[in-house]
Protein backbone atom coordinates (compact mmCIF):
# COMPACT_ATOMS: atom_id res chain seq x y z
CA MET A 1 0.00 0.00 0.00
CA GLU A 2 2.81 2.39 0.91
CA ASN A 3 4.48 1.59 -2.40
CA LEU A 4 1.30 2.63 -4.23
CA LYS A 5 1.09 5.88 -2.26
CA GLY A 6 4.67 6.63 -3.20
CA GLU A 7 3.96 5.89 -6.86
CA ILE A 8 0.88 8.13 -6.74
CA ASP A 9 2.92 10.99 -5.23
CA GLN A 10 5.62 10.58 -7.87
CA SER A 11 3.04 10.58 -10.69
CA LEU A 12 1.36 13.67 -9.23
CA ASN A 13 4.72 15.42 -9.23
CA GLU A 14 4.97 14.58 -12.95
CA ILE A 15 1.56 16.16 -13.49
CA ASP A 16 2.71 19.30 -11.71
CA LEU A 17 5.67 19.51 -14.09
CA LEU A 18 3.34 19.45 -17.10
CA GLU A 19 2.90 23.21 -16.68
CA VAL A 20 6.51 23.83 -17.71
CA GLN A 21 6.19 21.52 -20.72
CA PHE A 22 2.94 23.09 -21.92
CA GLN A 23 4.38 26.58 -21.55
CA ASP A 24 7.45 25.54 -23.54
CA TYR A 25 5.26 24.29 -26.41
CA ALA A 26 3.36 27.59 -26.34
CA LYS A 27 6.64 29.51 -26.62
CA GLN A 28 7.70 27.40 -29.60
CA MET A 29 4.44 28.25 -31.35
CA MET A 30 4.91 31.96 -30.72
CA LEU A 31 8.54 32.43 -31.72
CA PRO A 32 9.49 35.98 -32.76
CA ASP A 33 9.13 36.58 -36.51
CA SER A 34 7.23 33.31 -36.96
CA ASN A 35 4.01 33.24 -38.93
CA MET A 36 0.76 33.29 -36.98
CA PHE A 37 -2.07 30.94 -37.95
CA LEU A 38 -5.63 30.44 -36.74
CA LEU A 39 -4.53 27.03 -35.51
CA ASP A 40 -2.00 28.72 -33.20
CA ILE A 41 -4.86 30.48 -31.40
CA TYR A 42 -6.83 27.23 -31.25
CA ALA A 43 -3.79 25.35 -29.91
CA ILE A 44 -3.15 27.96 -27.20
CA GLY A 45 -6.75 27.44 -26.08
CA ILE A 46 -6.05 23.70 -25.90
CA VAL A 47 -2.91 24.32 -23.84
CA ASN A 48 -4.70 26.63 -21.38
CA ARG A 49 -7.52 24.16 -20.86
CA ALA A 50 -5.01 21.34 -20.37
CA LEU A 51 -3.15 23.35 -17.73
CA SER A 52 -6.33 24.18 -15.82
CA LEU A 53 -7.59 20.60 -15.83
CA THR A 54 -4.28 18.98 -14.84
CA SER A 55 -3.73 21.52 -12.05
CA GLY A 56 -7.24 21.02 -10.69
CA PHE A 57 -6.91 17.24 -10.93
CA SER A 58 -3.62 17.18 -9.03
CA THR A 59 -5.05 19.39 -6.28
CA LEU A 60 -8.19 17.29 -5.85
CA ILE A 61 -6.33 13.96 -5.78
CA ARG A 62 -4.03 15.34 -3.07
CA GLN A 63 -7.11 16.47 -1.14
CA GLN A 64 -8.46 12.89 -1.39
CA ASN A 65 -11.42 14.11 -3.41
CA PHE A 66 -11.41 11.35 -5.99
CA ILE A 67 -14.98 11.88 -7.19
CA ALA A 68 -14.31 15.49 -8.19
CA ALA A 69 -10.88 14.62 -9.61
CA SER A 70 -12.21 11.72 -11.69
CA HIS A 71 -14.73 14.07 -13.32
CA LEU A 72 -11.79 15.96 -14.84
CA VAL A 73 -10.39 12.94 -16.70
CA ARG A 74 -13.22 13.00 -19.23
CA PRO A 75 -12.98 16.71 -20.15
CA TYR A 76 -9.21 16.25 -20.36
CA LEU A 77 -9.75 13.40 -22.81
CA ASP A 78 -12.18 15.67 -24.68
CA THR A 79 -9.43 18.31 -24.84
CA TYR A 80 -7.24 15.84 -26.71
CA LEU A 81 -10.12 14.74 -28.97
CA GLN A 82 -10.98 18.35 -29.85
CA PHE A 83 -7.36 18.93 -30.85
CA PHE A 84 -7.21 15.59 -32.66
CA ALA A 85 -10.30 16.65 -34.66
CA VAL A 86 -8.21 19.32 -36.41
CA TRP A 87 -6.40 16.63 -38.39
CA GLN A 88 -9.59 14.79 -39.35
CA VAL A 89 -10.97 17.54 -41.60
CA SER A 90 -10.25 18.55 -45.19
CA ASP A 91 -9.97 22.29 -44.50
CA ILE A 92 -8.25 23.04 -41.18
CA ASN A 93 -8.61 26.83 -41.40
CA LYS A 94 -12.35 26.58 -42.04
CA PHE A 95 -12.76 24.10 -39.19
CA VAL A 96 -10.90 26.33 -36.72
CA SER A 97 -12.81 29.38 -37.96
CA ASP A 98 -16.14 27.58 -37.51
CA VAL A 99 -15.26 26.54 -33.96
CA MET A 100 -14.09 30.06 -33.12
CA LYS A 101 -17.44 31.37 -34.39
CA GLY A 102 -19.21 29.06 -31.96
CA ASP A 103 -19.98 25.93 -33.98
CA ARG A 104 -19.94 22.73 -31.95
CA ILE A 105 -17.35 20.20 -33.03
CA ASP A 106 -19.82 17.32 -32.72
CA LYS A 107 -21.98 19.08 -35.34
CA LEU A 108 -19.11 19.34 -37.82
CA LYS A 109 -18.09 16.54 -40.19
CA ASP A 110 -14.72 14.95 -40.82
CA LYS A 111 -13.16 14.47 -44.26
CA ASN A 112 -15.26 11.32 -44.73
CA GLY A 113 -18.53 13.12 -44.01
CA VAL A 114 -19.00 11.65 -40.50
CA LEU A 115 -20.10 13.86 -37.60
CA MET A 116 -17.18 14.30 -35.20
CA GLN A 117 -18.91 13.19 -32.04
CA ASP A 118 -16.69 12.22 -29.13
CA LYS A 119 -17.15 8.47 -29.57
CA HIS A 120 -16.28 8.67 -33.27
CA LEU A 121 -13.13 10.69 -32.53
CA ALA A 122 -12.17 8.30 -29.70
CA THR A 123 -12.59 5.37 -32.07
CA LEU A 124 -10.33 7.01 -34.66
CA ALA A 125 -7.76 7.92 -31.99
CA SER A 126 -7.72 4.34 -30.70
CA ILE A 127 -5.84 3.36 -33.87
CA ASP A 128 -2.77 5.03 -32.33
CA TYR A 129 -3.77 4.63 -28.68
CA GLU A 130 -5.54 1.34 -27.96
CA TRP A 131 -6.55 2.50 -24.48
CA MET A 132 -8.32 5.62 -25.75
CA LEU A 133 -11.76 4.14 -26.46
CA ASN A 134 -11.84 2.23 -23.17
CA VAL A 135 -10.95 5.39 -21.21
CA TYR A 136 -13.73 7.22 -23.06
CA LYS A 137 -16.26 4.56 -22.04
CA GLU A 138 -15.07 4.24 -18.43
CA THR A 139 -14.94 7.97 -17.71
CA SER A 140 -18.50 8.39 -19.01
CA GLY A 141 -19.58 6.76 -15.77
CA PHE A 142 -18.25 9.73 -13.81
CA ILE A 143 -19.91 12.38 -15.96
CA HIS A 144 -23.40 11.01 -15.26
CA PHE A 145 -24.45 9.69 -11.87
CA SER A 146 -23.80 5.95 -11.88
CA LYS A 147 -22.67 3.01 -9.79
CA LYS A 148 -19.19 4.54 -9.75
CA HIS A 149 -20.49 7.28 -7.44
CA ILE A 150 -22.45 4.84 -5.30
CA PHE A 151 -19.52 2.52 -4.65
CA THR A 152 -17.13 5.34 -3.78
CA SER A 153 -19.39 6.33 -0.87
CA SER A 154 -20.14 2.91 0.62
CA ARG A 155 -18.78 -0.59 0.96
CA LEU A 156 -19.80 -4.05 2.12
CA LYS A 157 -18.21 -4.11 5.56
CA ASP A 158 -19.10 -7.69 6.54
CA PRO A 159 -20.21 -10.14 3.82
CA ASP A 160 -21.49 -12.69 6.38
CA SER A 161 -23.75 -10.30 8.25
CA ARG A 162 -24.36 -8.30 5.04
CA ILE A 163 -23.56 -5.06 6.80
CA ILE A 164 -23.03 -2.08 4.50
CA GLU A 165 -20.96 0.84 5.71
CA GLY A 166 -21.53 4.28 4.26
CA ARG A 167 -19.85 7.62 4.72
CA VAL A 168 -20.88 11.16 3.88
CA SER A 169 -17.64 13.08 3.38
CA LYS A 170 -15.70 15.10 0.86
CA TYR A 171 -12.83 12.63 1.33
CA ASP A 172 -12.61 9.40 -0.67
CA LYS A 173 -12.24 6.87 2.13
CA TYR A 174 -13.50 3.93 0.08
CA VAL A 175 -11.49 4.56 -3.07
CA PRO A 176 -8.58 2.11 -3.42
CA ASP A 177 -5.13 3.47 -4.20
CA GLU A 178 -5.18 1.39 -7.40
CA SER A 179 -8.05 3.54 -8.71
CA ARG A 180 -6.28 6.76 -7.77
CA LEU A 181 -3.06 5.64 -9.47
CA GLU A 182 -4.96 4.54 -12.57
CA ALA A 183 -6.61 7.97 -12.87
CA VAL A 184 -3.29 9.80 -12.42
CA GLN A 185 -1.55 7.64 -15.02
CA CYS A 186 -4.46 8.18 -17.38
CA MET A 187 -4.01 11.95 -17.14
CA LEU A 188 -0.31 11.54 -17.90
CA ALA A 189 -1.05 9.33 -20.91
CA ILE A 190 -3.52 11.88 -22.31
CA SER A 191 -0.91 14.60 -21.77
CA GLN A 192 1.60 12.69 -23.87
CA ALA A 193 -0.99 12.33 -26.64
CA ILE A 194 -1.59 16.11 -26.57
CA PHE A 195 2.18 16.72 -26.61
CA LYS A 196 2.49 14.63 -29.77
CA LEU A 197 -0.12 16.75 -31.56
CA LEU A 198 1.54 19.97 -30.39
CA GLU A 199 4.94 18.75 -31.58
CA GLY A 200 3.45 17.83 -34.94
CA TRP A 201 1.91 21.26 -35.40
CA ILE A 202 5.05 23.12 -34.28
CA TRP A 203 7.18 21.11 -36.70
CA THR A 204 4.68 21.70 -39.51
CA LYS A 205 4.57 25.47 -39.17
CA ASN A 206 8.35 25.77 -38.72
CA ASN A 207 9.33 23.48 -41.63
CA PRO A 208 7.24 24.51 -44.64
CA GLU A 209 9.83 23.40 -47.22
CA GLU A 210 10.26 19.96 -45.68
CA LEU A 211 6.50 19.63 -45.40
CA ALA A 212 6.09 20.48 -49.08
CA LYS A 213 8.62 17.78 -49.94
CA MET A 214 6.78 15.24 -47.80
CA LYS A 215 3.49 16.20 -49.43
CA GLU A 216 5.05 15.75 -52.85
CA GLU A 217 6.27 12.28 -51.85
CA GLU A 218 2.84 11.42 -50.43
CA ASP A 219 1.15 12.63 -53.61
CA PHE A 220 3.51 10.44 -55.63
CA LYS A 221 2.68 7.41 -53.48
CA ASN A 222 -1.04 8.07 -53.90
CA GLN A 223 -0.59 8.47 -57.66
CA TRP A 224 1.44 5.27 -57.81
CA SER A 225 -1.16 3.37 -55.78
CA LYS A 226 -3.99 4.63 -57.98
CA ARG A 227 -2.15 3.69 -61.18
CA VAL A 228 -1.47 0.17 -59.91
CA LYS A 229 -5.17 -0.20 -59.17
CA ILE A 230 -6.04 1.07 -62.66
CA ILE A 231 -3.70 -1.49 -64.24
CA ALA A 232 -5.20 -4.31 -62.16
CA ASN A 233 -8.73 -3.26 -63.11
CA PHE A 234 -7.74 -2.96 -66.78
CA TYR A 235 -6.33 -6.48 -67.04
CA SER A 236 -9.27 -7.90 -65.09
CA ALA A 237 -11.73 -6.32 -67.55
CA LEU A 238 -9.64 -7.41 -70.53
CA ASN A 239 -9.46 -11.02 -69.30
CA GLU A 240 -13.25 -11.03 -68.96
CA LYS A 241 -13.63 -9.44 -72.43
CA ARG A 242 -15.47 -6.43 -71.02
CA VAL A 243 -14.46 -4.24 -73.92
CA ASN A 244 -15.95 -0.92 -72.84
CA ASP A 245 -14.58 -1.25 -69.28
CA SER A 246 -11.15 -2.04 -70.71
CA LEU A 247 -11.19 0.87 -73.14
CA ALA A 248 -12.20 3.24 -70.34
CA HIS A 249 -8.67 2.88 -68.92
CA LEU A 250 -6.95 3.63 -72.24
CA HIS A 251 -6.02 7.00 -73.69
CA GLU A 252 -7.90 7.78 -76.90
CA ASN A 253 -4.58 7.76 -78.80
CA VAL A 254 -3.13 4.76 -76.95
CA LEU A 255 -0.18 2.91 -78.51
CA TRP A 256 -0.85 -0.84 -78.26
CA PRO A 257 1.93 -3.43 -78.82
CA THR A 258 1.98 -5.99 -81.60
CA SER A 259 4.18 -9.03 -82.24
CA ASP A 260 6.74 -6.64 -83.76
CA PRO A 261 8.35 -4.62 -80.92
CA LYS A 262 8.74 -1.64 -83.25
CA THR A 263 5.14 -1.60 -84.41
CA PHE A 264 2.13 -0.32 -82.48
CA LEU A 265 -1.58 -0.03 -83.06
CA GLU A 266 -2.73 3.54 -82.46
CA GLY A 267 -6.05 4.60 -80.97
CA GLN A 268 -8.89 2.85 -79.18
CA ALA A 269 -10.70 1.84 -82.37
CA ALA A 270 -7.67 -0.05 -83.74
CA VAL A 271 -7.08 -1.74 -80.38
CA LYS A 272 -10.73 -2.79 -80.08
CA SER A 273 -10.67 -4.26 -83.57
CA ASN A 274 -7.46 -6.16 -82.77
CA TRP A 275 -8.94 -7.68 -79.63
CA LYS A 276 -12.06 -8.89 -81.42
CA GLU A 277 -9.98 -10.43 -84.20
CA LEU A 278 -7.78 -12.30 -81.71
CA TRP A 279 -10.78 -13.55 -79.71
CA LYS A 280 -12.10 -15.34 -82.81
CA THR A 281 -9.38 -18.00 -82.34
CA THR A 282 -7.82 -17.54 -78.89
CA THR A 283 -8.26 -16.05 -75.44
CA GLU A 284 -5.53 -14.58 -73.27
CA ASN A 285 -5.45 -14.43 -69.52
CA ILE A 286 -2.96 -11.83 -68.31
CA GLN A 287 -2.21 -11.86 -64.59
CA PRO A 288 0.03 -9.14 -63.09
CA ILE A 289 2.58 -10.65 -60.70
CA SER A 290 4.46 -7.61 -59.43
CA PHE A 291 4.69 -3.87 -60.01
CA SER A 292 7.57 -1.42 -59.84
CA VAL A 293 7.71 2.29 -60.61
CA LEU A 294 10.59 3.70 -62.64
CA GLU A 295 12.24 7.12 -62.43
CA SER A 296 10.28 8.05 -65.54
CA GLU A 297 7.14 7.29 -63.47
CA ASP A 298 6.27 4.50 -65.93
CA VAL A 299 5.11 1.27 -64.33
CA LEU A 300 6.97 -1.99 -65.05
CA ILE A 301 4.84 -5.09 -64.54
CA ASP A 302 5.82 -8.74 -64.44
CA VAL A 303 2.91 -10.66 -65.99
CA HIS A 304 1.96 -14.30 -66.43
CA VAL A 305 0.21 -14.95 -69.76
CA ILE A 306 -1.80 -18.07 -70.60
CA VAL A 307 -3.10 -18.39 -74.17
CA ARG A 308 -5.91 -20.87 -74.88
CA ASP A 309 -7.78 -21.91 -77.99
CA LEU A 310 -11.57 -21.84 -78.18
CA ASN A 311 -11.67 -25.34 -76.66
CA ALA A 312 -9.75 -24.05 -73.63
CA ALA A 313 -6.64 -26.00 -74.52
CA VAL A 314 -3.44 -24.21 -73.49
CA LYS A 315 -1.48 -23.05 -76.56
CA ASP A 316 1.12 -20.97 -74.71
CA ASP A 317 2.11 -20.26 -71.11
CA TYR A 318 4.84 -17.72 -70.40
CA LYS A 319 6.02 -14.76 -68.35
CA THR A 320 6.90 -11.38 -69.76
CA GLN A 321 7.03 -7.73 -68.75
CA HIS A 322 4.77 -4.87 -69.71
CA LEU A 323 6.05 -1.31 -69.51
CA VAL A 324 3.05 0.97 -69.02
CA GLU A 325 3.19 4.70 -69.71
CA PHE A 326 0.44 6.93 -68.32
CA ASP A 327 -1.03 10.24 -69.29
CA ASN A 328 -2.46 11.31 -65.96
CA TYR A 329 -4.59 8.28 -65.07
CA LEU A 330 -5.06 6.85 -68.58
CA ILE A 331 -2.80 4.21 -70.12
CA LYS A 332 -0.99 5.95 -72.99
CA ARG A 333 1.35 3.19 -74.16
CA ILE A 334 2.31 -0.41 -73.42
CA ASP A 335 5.63 -1.98 -74.43
CA ILE A 336 6.34 -5.71 -74.20
CA ILE A 337 9.78 -6.51 -72.72
CA PRO A 338 11.31 -10.01 -72.61
CA TYR A 339 11.05 -11.41 -69.09
CA LYS A 340 14.20 -11.68 -66.95
CA ASP A 341 14.21 -13.86 -63.83
């Protein structure tokens, strides 16, 4: 028991030191000659609320007023969720402006069109913090009168005689040290989550060039991912002889390979005619095996090709490579390259 009391005191001292850390983050946001954003004002509001709640919590725990202290865990969690919401929207400036004008966050929608109610935000946040959703659920019991309040004011004194002991006091006599320690550690964990968001914002506003580079890389990854999906959908449609779906992925002036590496069919009409002519005697099943993107941003694909006659007998079975050139998100040209293991 004494060990727990010592651990509680040590954790409370850590909470008291949060003030210095929060103030340091505020100073980093407000450096001389640095740009000022709406989000800076929003973040300072987050920091002030965090300081008030952690200070009040520490004081109440030390005064053995667990019921009042536990009520502060939920609004502290909400403080994190309301900051976390900033990164769930498409237009951060508009979001912050709407909140500053008085709009409730739970009436605003995230980038996926979902209302940002506390439970939804806690669910999203639980991807990074598994404990987040459980803390949200457990602390709800302290916001509204529940069994949590009943069992902090009474206890079963003697199970055999079924005697219940109750106490009317502002002190939490019946609250075990385990519960106090859990609440304190929860406040520290939420603080670390808030710190991470503050650090992210401070880095973002102070490193615009690096951020632009990261965005460019992210855009490239998204473009690459989308093109791979387009290629997969194209071959799937072609294998199933869904002509219109296949053509929808091709540029109107597409260059389509022939048996002669130096000769191409040009345009959708020529390609469509070629397919229909081939399908009179054979069918091809082209399965992409792997994808790689080149410096030219073309996509090199290892493919497995099985050619069958109209009786489904295999006429050819081989691997090769297709080099796919895009114009935006339309296939502009395909070259056939001999396969190398």
